[in-house]
Amino acid sequence: MAFIIKPLVTEKMTKLTEKRPNVYGFIVRPEANKIEIQKEVEATYNVTVEDVNTVRYAGKRSQRYTKAGLVRGHKSAFKKAIVTLKAGEEIDIYSNIE
């Protein structure tokens, strides 16, 4: 079962990766645990994972005022994994973009 949904490419994560080059972020399935995330990252990217930290984010309600009136919605809940690799190893996230 694929637990990794996508790599996390945000301004905040990019700054963290520049500061510590062996740290990467991923959006993962909410039911994934740290061991499953570690095994999948190692198998997918052929690297050695030293540490996995996870953070759960709750979904939030949102609303905005438009010409048509009040528009209500919600943002989805998700789980983020911060993966630390062995020193000297790196993941090229942008390699398969054409």
PDB file of N, CA and C in Angstrom:
ATOM      1  N   MET A   1       0.845  -1.187   0.000  1.00  0.00           N
ATOM      2  CA  MET A   1       0.000   0.000   0.000  1.00  0.00           C
ATOM      3  C   MET A   1       0.884   1.243   0.000  1.00  0.00           C
ATOM      4  N   ALA A   2       0.581   2.193  -0.827  1.00  0.00           N
ATOM      5  CA  ALA A   2       1.378   3.420  -0.923  1.00  0.00           C
ATOM      6  C   ALA A   2       0.952   4.387   0.176  1.00  0.00           C
ATOM      7  N   PHE A   3       1.879   4.712   1.060  1.00  0.00           N
ATOM      8  CA  PHE A   3       1.581   5.627   2.160  1.00  0.00           C
ATOM      9  C   PHE A   3       1.971   7.059   1.829  1.00  0.00           C
ATOM     10  N   ILE A   4       2.945   7.242   0.953  1.00  0.00           N
ATOM     11  CA  ILE A   4       3.363   8.586   0.570  1.00  0.00           C
ATOM     12  C   ILE A   4       2.440   9.098  -0.529  1.00  0.00           C
ATOM     13  N   ILE A   5       1.823  10.253  -0.301  1.00  0.00           N
ATOM     14  CA  ILE A   5       0.940  10.846  -1.296  1.00  0.00           C
ATOM     15  C   ILE A   5       1.751  11.721  -2.248  1.00  0.00           C
ATOM     16  N   LYS A   6       2.572  12.638  -1.689  1.00  0.00           N
ATOM     17  CA  LYS A   6       3.400  13.502  -2.528  1.00  0.00           C
ATOM     18  C   LYS A   6       4.479  14.140  -1.670  1.00  0.00           C
ATOM     19  N   PRO A   7       5.576  14.556  -2.311  1.00  0.00           N
ATOM     20  CA  PRO A   7       6.597  15.318  -1.577  1.00  0.00           C
ATOM     21  C   PRO A   7       6.056  16.695  -1.227  1.00  0.00           C
ATOM     22  N   LEU A   8       6.517  17.225  -0.133  1.00  0.00           N
ATOM     23  CA  LEU A   8       6.063  18.531   0.328  1.00  0.00           C
ATOM     24  C   LEU A   8       7.027  19.590  -0.188  1.00  0.00           C
ATOM     25  N   VAL A   9       6.571  20.397  -1.132  1.00  0.00           N
ATOM     26  CA  VAL A   9       7.398  21.448  -1.731  1.00  0.00           C
ATOM     27  C   VAL A   9       6.734  22.773  -1.423  1.00  0.00           C
ATOM     28  N   THR A  10       7.115  23.352  -0.294  1.00  0.00           N
ATOM     29  CA  THR A  10       6.605  24.651   0.113  1.00  0.00           C
ATOM     30  C   THR A  10       7.793  25.553   0.433  1.00  0.00           C
ATOM     31  N   GLU A  11       7.534  26.820   0.608  1.00  0.00           N
ATOM     32  CA  GLU A  11       8.612  27.748   0.931  1.00  0.00           C
ATOM     33  C   GLU A  11       9.248  27.398   2.272  1.00  0.00           C
ATOM     34  N   LYS A  12       8.434  27.046   3.238  1.00  0.00           N
ATOM     35  CA  LYS A  12       8.938  26.696   4.565  1.00  0.00           C
ATOM     36  C   LYS A  12       9.787  25.420   4.521  1.00  0.00           C
ATOM     37  N   MET A  13       9.347  24.415   3.779  1.00  0.00           N
ATOM     38  CA  MET A  13      10.097  23.164   3.680  1.00  0.00           C
ATOM     39  C   MET A  13      11.385  23.363   2.894  1.00  0.00           C
ATOM     40  N   THR A  14      11.367  24.226   1.881  1.00  0.00           N
ATOM     41  CA  THR A  14      12.565  24.505   1.103  1.00  0.00           C
ATOM     42  C   THR A  14      13.624  25.190   1.969  1.00  0.00           C
ATOM     43  N   LYS A  15      13.217  26.120   2.831  1.00  0.00           N
ATOM     44  CA  LYS A  15      14.160  26.763   3.739  1.00  0.00           C
ATOM     45  C   LYS A  15      14.768  25.762   4.713  1.00  0.00           C
ATOM     46  N   LEU A  16      13.957  24.834   5.202  1.00  0.00           N
ATOM     47  CA  LEU A  16      14.455  23.807   6.113  1.00  0.00           C
ATOM     48  C   LEU A  16      15.453  22.896   5.411  1.00  0.00           C
ATOM     49  N   THR A  17      15.182  22.542   4.153  1.00  0.00           N
ATOM     50  CA  THR A  17      16.082  21.674   3.391  1.00  0.00           C
ATOM     51  C   THR A  17      17.387  22.399   3.062  1.00  0.00           C
ATOM     52  N   GLU A  18      17.332  23.706   2.833  1.00  0.00           N
ATOM     53  CA  GLU A  18      18.556  24.466   2.588  1.00  0.00           C
ATOM     54  C   GLU A  18      19.411  24.534   3.847  1.00  0.00           C
ATOM     55  N   LYS A  19      18.765  24.664   5.005  1.00  0.00           N
ATOM     56  CA  LYS A  19      19.484  24.753   6.273  1.00  0.00           C
ATOM     57  C   LYS A  19      20.067  23.390   6.667  1.00  0.00           C
ATOM     58  N   ARG A  20      19.280  22.339   6.494  1.00  0.00           N
ATOM     59  CA  ARG A  20      19.707  20.970   6.816  1.00  0.00           C
ATOM     60  C   ARG A  20      19.456  20.118   5.568  1.00  0.00           C
ATOM     61  N   PRO A  21      20.474  19.884   4.738  1.00  0.00           N
ATOM     62  CA  PRO A  21      20.264  19.278   3.412  1.00  0.00           C
ATOM     63  C   PRO A  21      19.793  17.825   3.406  1.00  0.00           C
ATOM     64  N   ASN A  22      19.773  17.152   4.546  1.00  0.00           N
ATOM     65  CA  ASN A  22      19.313  15.764   4.544  1.00  0.00           C
ATOM     66  C   ASN A  22      17.917  15.624   5.159  1.00  0.00           C
ATOM     67  N   VAL A  23      17.116  16.689   5.166  1.00  0.00           N
ATOM     68  CA  VAL A  23      15.755  16.662   5.713  1.00  0.00           C
ATOM     69  C   VAL A  23      14.762  16.946   4.596  1.00  0.00           C
ATOM     70  N   TYR A  24      13.726  16.100   4.489  1.00  0.00           N
ATOM     71  CA  TYR A  24      12.710  16.237   3.442  1.00  0.00           C
ATOM     72  C   TYR A  24      11.328  16.054   4.056  1.00  0.00           C
ATOM     73  N   GLY A  25      10.317  16.653   3.427  1.00  0.00           N
ATOM     74  CA  GLY A  25       8.948  16.545   3.904  1.00  0.00           C
ATOM     75  C   GLY A  25       8.059  15.856   2.888  1.00  0.00           C
ATOM     76  N   PHE A  26       7.081  15.091   3.400  1.00  0.00           N
ATOM     77  CA  PHE A  26       6.133  14.384   2.552  1.00  0.00           C
ATOM     78  C   PHE A  26       4.741  14.489   3.156  1.00  0.00           C
ATOM     79  N   ILE A  27       3.727  14.554   2.293  1.00  0.00           N
ATOM     80  CA  ILE A  27       2.342  14.400   2.717  1.00  0.00           C
ATOM     81  C   ILE A  27       2.066  12.901   2.656  1.00  0.00           C
ATOM     82  N   VAL A  28       1.579  12.333   3.758  1.00  0.00           N
ATOM     83  CA  VAL A  28       1.355  10.888   3.835  1.00  0.00           C
ATOM     84  C   VAL A  28      -0.089  10.600   4.230  1.00  0.00           C
ATOM     85  N   ARG A  29      -0.476   9.351   4.073  1.00  0.00           N
ATOM     86  CA  ARG A  29      -1.828   8.953   4.467  1.00  0.00           C
ATOM     87  C   ARG A  29      -1.954   9.029   5.983  1.00  0.00           C
ATOM     88  N   PRO A  30      -3.121   9.415   6.509  1.00  0.00           N
ATOM     89  CA  PRO A  30      -3.282   9.583   7.962  1.00  0.00           C
ATOM     90  C   PRO A  30      -3.069   8.301   8.770  1.00  0.00           C
ATOM     91  N   GLU A  31      -3.303   7.147   8.176  1.00  0.00           N
ATOM     92  CA  GLU A  31      -3.153   5.889   8.926  1.00  0.00           C
ATOM     93  C   GLU A  31      -1.726   5.340   8.891  1.00  0.00           C
ATOM     94  N   ALA A  32      -0.816   5.999   8.180  1.00  0.00           N
ATOM     95  CA  ALA A  32       0.572   5.526   8.075  1.00  0.00           C
ATOM     96  C   ALA A  32       1.312   5.782   9.378  1.00  0.00           C
ATOM     97  N   ASN A  33       2.134   4.793   9.801  1.00  0.00           N
ATOM     98  CA  ASN A  33       2.977   5.019  10.969  1.00  0.00           C
ATOM     99  C   ASN A  33       4.414   5.263  10.527  1.00  0.00           C
ATOM    100  N   LYS A  34       5.292   5.579  11.472  1.00  0.00           N
ATOM    101  CA  LYS A  34       6.654   5.982  11.148  1.00  0.00           C
ATOM    102  C   LYS A  34       7.448   4.857  10.483  1.00  0.00           C
ATOM    103  N   ILE A  35       7.242   3.630  10.903  1.00  0.00           N
ATOM    104  CA  ILE A  35       7.977   2.490  10.330  1.00  0.00           C
ATOM    105  C   ILE A  35       7.578   2.274   8.879  1.00  0.00           C
ATOM    106  N   GLU A  36       6.281   2.353   8.581  1.00  0.00           N
ATOM    107  CA  GLU A  36       5.812   2.188   7.209  1.00  0.00           C
ATOM    108  C   GLU A  36       6.329   3.312   6.309  1.00  0.00           C
ATOM    109  N   ILE A  37       6.348   4.538   6.835  1.00  0.00           N
ATOM    110  CA  ILE A  37       6.860   5.671   6.062  1.00  0.00           C
ATOM    111  C   ILE A  37       8.347   5.481   5.781  1.00  0.00           C
ATOM    112  N   GLN A  38       9.097   5.050   6.784  1.00  0.00           N
ATOM    113  CA  GLN A  38      10.536   4.828   6.618  1.00  0.00           C
ATOM    114  C   GLN A  38      10.810   3.776   5.551  1.00  0.00           C
ATOM    115  N   LYS A  39      10.106   2.652   5.601  1.00  0.00           N
ATOM    116  CA  LYS A  39      10.324   1.579   4.622  1.00  0.00           C
ATOM    117  C   LYS A  39       9.995   2.045   3.208  1.00  0.00           C
ATOM    118  N   GLU A  40       8.913   2.811   3.056  1.00  0.00           N
ATOM    119  CA  GLU A  40       8.530   3.250   1.717  1.00  0.00           C
ATOM    120  C   GLU A  40       9.496   4.282   1.142  1.00  0.00           C
ATOM    121  N   VAL A  41       9.982   5.209   1.968  1.00  0.00           N
ATOM    122  CA  VAL A  41      10.955   6.192   1.485  1.00  0.00           C
ATOM    123  C   VAL A  41      12.250   5.492   1.079  1.00  0.00           C
ATOM    124  N   GLU A  42      12.697   4.527   1.889  1.00  0.00           N
ATOM    125  CA  GLU A  42      13.918   3.792   1.557  1.00  0.00           C
ATOM    126  C   GLU A  42      13.764   3.004   0.264  1.00  0.00           C
ATOM    127  N   ALA A  43      12.608   2.377   0.060  1.00  0.00           N
ATOM    128  CA  ALA A  43      12.387   1.586  -1.148  1.00  0.00           C
ATOM    129  C   ALA A  43      12.220   2.466  -2.387  1.00  0.00           C
ATOM    130  N   THR A  44      11.537   3.578  -2.252  1.00  0.00           N
ATOM    131  CA  THR A  44      11.250   4.438  -3.396  1.00  0.00           C
ATOM    132  C   THR A  44      12.480   5.219  -3.862  1.00  0.00           C
ATOM    133  N   TYR A  45      13.240   5.786  -2.927  1.00  0.00           N
ATOM    134  CA  TYR A  45      14.328   6.683  -3.278  1.00  0.00           C
ATOM    135  C   TYR A  45      15.728   6.088  -3.086  1.00  0.00           C
ATOM    136  N   ASN A  46      15.833   4.829  -2.641  1.00  0.00           N
ATOM    137  CA  ASN A  46      17.116   4.149  -2.432  1.00  0.00           C
ATOM    138  C   ASN A  46      18.057   4.950  -1.527  1.00  0.00           C
ATOM    139  N   VAL A  47      17.548   5.326  -0.355  1.00  0.00           N
ATOM    140  CA  VAL A  47      18.321   6.062   0.643  1.00  0.00           C
ATOM    141  C   VAL A  47      18.172   5.371   2.000  1.00  0.00           C
ATOM    142  N   THR A  48      18.963   5.793   2.976  1.00  0.00           N
ATOM    143  CA  THR A  48      18.869   5.273   4.336  1.00  0.00           C
ATOM    144  C   THR A  48      18.233   6.339   5.223  1.00  0.00           C
ATOM    145  N   VAL A  49      17.111   6.008   5.844  1.00  0.00           N
ATOM    146  CA  VAL A  49      16.386   6.949   6.690  1.00  0.00           C
ATOM    147  C   VAL A  49      16.848   6.777   8.131  1.00  0.00           C
ATOM    148  N   GLU A  50      17.227   7.884   8.768  1.00  0.00           N
ATOM    149  CA  GLU A  50      17.641   7.845  10.172  1.00  0.00           C
ATOM    150  C   GLU A  50      16.487   8.137  11.112  1.00  0.00           C
ATOM    151  N   ASP A  51      15.609   9.080  10.745  1.00  0.00           N
ATOM    152  CA  ASP A  51      14.564   9.510  11.667  1.00  0.00           C
ATOM    153  C   ASP A  51      13.333   9.952  10.879  1.00  0.00           C
ATOM    154  N   VAL A  52      12.152   9.703  11.464  1.00  0.00           N
ATOM    155  CA  VAL A  52      10.887  10.149  10.879  1.00  0.00           C
ATOM    156  C   VAL A  52      10.072  10.834  11.971  1.00  0.00           C
ATOM    157  N   ASN A  53       9.664  12.062  11.715  1.00  0.00           N
ATOM    158  CA  ASN A  53       8.765  12.788  12.610  1.00  0.00           C
ATOM    159  C   ASN A  53       7.461  13.026  11.866  1.00  0.00           C
ATOM    160  N   THR A  54       6.336  12.857  12.556  1.00  0.00           N
ATOM    161  CA  THR A  54       5.043  13.056  11.913  1.00  0.00           C
ATOM    162  C   THR A  54       4.237  14.126  12.644  1.00  0.00           C
ATOM    163  N   VAL A  55       3.403  14.819  11.875  1.00  0.00           N
ATOM    164  CA  VAL A  55       2.537  15.862  12.407  1.00  0.00           C
ATOM    165  C   VAL A  55       1.169  15.696  11.766  1.00  0.00           C
ATOM    166  N   ARG A  56       0.111  15.706  12.583  1.00  0.00           N
ATOM    167  CA  ARG A  56      -1.255  15.643  12.075  1.00  0.00           C
ATOM    168  C   ARG A  56      -1.850  17.045  12.067  1.00  0.00           C
ATOM    169  N   TYR A  57      -2.510  17.387  10.979  1.00  0.00           N
ATOM    170  CA  TYR A  57      -3.185  18.670  10.849  1.00  0.00           C
ATOM    171  C   TYR A  57      -4.680  18.425  10.709  1.00  0.00           C
ATOM    172  N   ALA A  58      -5.469  19.111  11.523  1.00  0.00           N
ATOM    173  CA  ALA A  58      -6.919  18.961  11.482  1.00  0.00           C
ATOM    174  C   ALA A  58      -7.488  19.778  10.333  1.00  0.00           C
ATOM    175  N   GLY A  59      -8.595  19.320   9.778  1.00  0.00           N
ATOM    176  CA  GLY A  59      -9.290  20.092   8.754  1.00  0.00           C
ATOM    177  C   GLY A  59      -9.923  21.318   9.386  1.00  0.00           C
ATOM    178  N   LYS A  60     -10.018  22.379   8.621  1.00  0.00           N
ATOM    179  CA  LYS A  60     -10.561  23.616   9.168  1.00  0.00           C
ATOM    180  C   LYS A  60     -11.679  24.141   8.275  1.00  0.00           C
ATOM    181  N   ARG A  61     -12.669  24.746   8.894  1.00  0.00           N
ATOM    182  CA  ARG A  61     -13.735  25.388   8.142  1.00  0.00           C
ATOM    183  C   ARG A  61     -13.245  26.715   7.618  1.00  0.00           C
ATOM    184  N   SER A  62     -13.734  27.089   6.455  1.00  0.00           N
ATOM    185  CA  SER A  62     -13.357  28.386   5.895  1.00  0.00           C
ATOM    186  C   SER A  62     -14.583  28.999   5.225  1.00  0.00           C
ATOM    187  N   GLN A  63     -14.595  30.319   5.187  1.00  0.00           N
ATOM    188  CA  GLN A  63     -15.674  31.024   4.505  1.00  0.00           C
ATOM    189  C   GLN A  63     -15.139  32.344   3.975  1.00  0.00           C
ATOM    190  N   ARG A  64     -15.755  32.793   2.891  1.00  0.00           N
ATOM    191  CA  ARG A  64     -15.365  34.079   2.326  1.00  0.00           C
ATOM    192  C   ARG A  64     -16.609  34.749   1.754  1.00  0.00           C
ATOM    193  N   TYR A  65     -16.545  36.048   1.710  1.00  0.00           N
ATOM    194  CA  TYR A  65     -17.648  36.838   1.186  1.00  0.00           C
ATOM    195  C   TYR A  65     -17.367  37.184  -0.274  1.00  0.00           C
ATOM    196  N   THR A  66     -18.337  36.923  -1.134  1.00  0.00           N
ATOM    197  CA  THR A  66     -18.211  37.223  -2.550  1.00  0.00           C
ATOM    198  C   THR A  66     -19.428  38.024  -2.998  1.00  0.00           C
ATOM    199  N   LYS A  67     -19.459  38.374  -4.282  1.00  0.00           N
ATOM    200  CA  LYS A  67     -20.636  39.065  -4.825  1.00  0.00           C
ATOM    201  C   LYS A  67     -21.885  38.218  -4.687  1.00  0.00           C
ATOM    202  N   ALA A  68     -21.701  36.904  -4.862  1.00  0.00           N
ATOM    203  CA  ALA A  68     -22.842  35.993  -4.810  1.00  0.00           C
ATOM    204  C   ALA A  68     -23.298  35.712  -3.382  1.00  0.00           C
ATOM    205  N   GLY A  69     -22.523  36.166  -2.402  1.00  0.00           N
ATOM    206  CA  GLY A  69     -22.892  35.936  -1.010  1.00  0.00           C
ATOM    207  C   GLY A  69     -21.799  35.169  -0.279  1.00  0.00           C
ATOM    208  N   LEU A  70     -22.169  34.569   0.816  1.00  0.00           N
ATOM    209  CA  LEU A  70     -21.219  33.847   1.653  1.00  0.00           C
ATOM    210  C   LEU A  70     -20.953  32.460   1.071  1.00  0.00           C
ATOM    211  N   VAL A  71     -19.685  32.132   0.851  1.00  0.00           N
ATOM    212  CA  VAL A  71     -19.298  30.819   0.335  1.00  0.00           C
ATOM    213  C   VAL A  71     -18.595  30.087   1.465  1.00  0.00           C
ATOM    214  N   ARG A  72     -19.129  28.927   1.817  1.00  0.00           N
ATOM    215  CA  ARG A  72     -18.546  28.141   2.912  1.00  0.00           C
ATOM    216  C   ARG A  72     -17.913  26.880   2.368  1.00  0.00           C
ATOM    217  N   GLY A  73     -16.862  26.435   3.042  1.00  0.00           N
ATOM    218  CA  GLY A  73     -16.180  25.220   2.645  1.00  0.00           C
ATOM    219  C   GLY A  73     -15.307  24.730   3.779  1.00  0.00           C
ATOM    220  N   HIS A  74     -14.407  23.809   3.470  1.00  0.00           N
ATOM    221  CA  HIS A  74     -13.469  23.343   4.478  1.00  0.00           C
ATOM    222  C   HIS A  74     -12.182  22.871   3.819  1.00  0.00           C
ATOM    223  N   LYS A  75     -11.098  22.929   4.583  1.00  0.00           N
ATOM    224  CA  LYS A  75      -9.803  22.438   4.135  1.00  0.00           C
ATOM    225  C   LYS A  75      -9.630  21.030   4.690  1.00  0.00           C
ATOM    226  N   SER A  76      -9.057  20.155   3.903  1.00  0.00           N
ATOM    227  CA  SER A  76      -8.923  18.758   4.291  1.00  0.00           C
ATOM    228  C   SER A  76      -7.886  18.580   5.396  1.00  0.00           C
ATOM    229  N   ALA A  77      -8.095  17.559   6.214  1.00  0.00           N
ATOM    230  CA  ALA A  77      -7.101  17.158   7.209  1.00  0.00           C
ATOM    231  C   ALA A  77      -6.021  16.358   6.497  1.00  0.00           C
ATOM    232  N   PHE A  78      -4.778  16.447   6.989  1.00  0.00           N
ATOM    233  CA  PHE A  78      -3.693  15.690   6.380  1.00  0.00           C
ATOM    234  C   PHE A  78      -2.624  15.394   7.411  1.00  0.00           C
ATOM    235  N   LYS A  79      -1.696  14.533   7.039  1.00  0.00           N
ATOM    236  CA  LYS A  79      -0.584  14.166   7.901  1.00  0.00           C
ATOM    237  C   LYS A  79       0.709  14.450   7.151  1.00  0.00           C
ATOM    238  N   LYS A  80       1.671  15.055   7.846  1.00  0.00           N
ATOM    239  CA  LYS A  80       2.945  15.419   7.245  1.00  0.00           C
ATOM    240  C   LYS A  80       4.047  14.622   7.921  1.00  0.00           C
ATOM    241  N   ALA A  81       4.997  14.119   7.136  1.00  0.00           N
ATOM    242  CA  ALA A  81       6.143  13.394   7.665  1.00  0.00           C
ATOM    243  C   ALA A  81       7.413  14.156   7.311  1.00  0.00           C
ATOM    244  N   ILE A  82       8.244  14.417   8.323  1.00  0.00           N
ATOM    245  CA  ILE A  82       9.549  15.037   8.125  1.00  0.00           C
ATOM    246  C   ILE A  82      10.581  13.920   8.255  1.00  0.00           C
ATOM    247  N   VAL A  83      11.293  13.630   7.161  1.00  0.00           N
ATOM    248  CA  VAL A  83      12.207  12.493   7.094  1.00  0.00           C
ATOM    249  C   VAL A  83      13.650  13.007   7.103  1.00  0.00           C
ATOM    250  N   THR A  84      14.461  12.460   8.014  1.00  0.00           N
ATOM    251  CA  THR A  84      15.879  12.792   8.076  1.00  0.00           C
ATOM    252  C   THR A  84      16.672  11.626   7.514  1.00  0.00           C
ATOM    253  N   LEU A  85      17.523  11.912   6.536  1.00  0.00           N
ATOM    254  CA  LEU A  85      18.329  10.881   5.893  1.00  0.00           C
ATOM    255  C   LEU A  85      19.711  10.798   6.530  1.00  0.00           C
ATOM    256  N   LYS A  86      20.410   9.701   6.219  1.00  0.00           N
ATOM    257  CA  LYS A  86      21.787   9.524   6.660  1.00  0.00           C
ATOM    258  C   LYS A  86      22.636  10.639   6.036  1.00  0.00           C
ATOM    259  N   ALA A  87      23.657  11.102   6.764  1.00  0.00           N
ATOM    260  CA  ALA A  87      24.499  12.201   6.291  1.00  0.00           C
ATOM    261  C   ALA A  87      25.112  11.869   4.939  1.00  0.00           C
ATOM    262  N   GLY A  88      25.061  12.832   4.032  1.00  0.00           N
ATOM    263  CA  GLY A  88      25.636  12.654   2.707  1.00  0.00           C
ATOM    264  C   GLY A  88      24.662  12.158   1.659  1.00  0.00           C
ATOM    265  N   GLU A  89      23.494  11.695   2.047  1.00  0.00           N
ATOM    266  CA  GLU A  89      22.501  11.203   1.089  1.00  0.00           C
ATOM    267  C   GLU A  89      21.486  12.304   0.812  1.00  0.00           C
ATOM    268  N   GLU A  90      20.895  12.261  -0.388  1.00  0.00           N
ATOM    269  CA  GLU A  90      19.881  13.250  -0.743  1.00  0.00           C
ATOM    270  C   GLU A  90      18.868  12.642  -1.699  1.00  0.00           C
ATOM    271  N   ILE A  91      17.707  13.279  -1.768  1.00  0.00           N
ATOM    272  CA  ILE A  91      16.631  12.868  -2.668  1.00  0.00           C
ATOM    273  C   ILE A  91      16.464  13.963  -3.711  1.00  0.00           C
ATOM    274  N   ASP A  92      16.436  13.582  -4.980  1.00  0.00           N
ATOM    275  CA  ASP A  92      16.193  14.541  -6.051  1.00  0.00           C
ATOM    276  C   ASP A  92      14.706  14.484  -6.394  1.00  0.00           C
ATOM    277  N   ILE A  93      13.937  15.354  -5.781  1.00  0.00           N
ATOM    278  CA  ILE A  93      12.478  15.368  -5.964  1.00  0.00           C
ATOM    279  C   ILE A  93      12.110  15.834  -7.358  1.00  0.00           C
ATOM    280  N   TYR A  94      12.921  16.681  -7.965  1.00  0.00           N
ATOM    281  CA  TYR A  94      12.585  17.286  -9.238  1.00  0.00           C
ATOM    282  C   TYR A  94      13.060  16.470 -10.434  1.00  0.00           C
ATOM    283  N   SER A  95      13.602  15.288 -10.235  1.00  0.00           N
ATOM    284  CA  SER A  95      14.202  14.513 -11.340  1.00  0.00           C
ATOM    285  C   SER A  95      13.180  14.016 -12.353  1.00  0.00           C
ATOM    286  N   ASN A  96      11.952  13.700 -11.927  1.00  0.00           N
ATOM    287  CA  ASN A  96      10.979  13.126 -12.858  1.00  0.00           C
ATOM    288  C   ASN A  96      10.008  14.158 -13.435  1.00  0.00           C
ATOM    289  N   ILE A  97      10.289  15.445 -13.278  1.00  0.00           N
ATOM    290  CA  ILE A  97       9.449  16.493 -13.849  1.00  0.00           C
ATOM    291  C   ILE A  97       9.936  16.771 -15.264  1.00  0.00           C
ATOM    292  N   GLU A  98       9.017  16.767 -16.202  1.00  0.00           N
ATOM    293  CA  GLU A  98       9.394  16.984 -17.611  1.00  0.00           C
ATOM    294  C   GLU A  98       8.892  18.304 -18.118  1.00  0.00           C
TER     295      GLU A  98
END
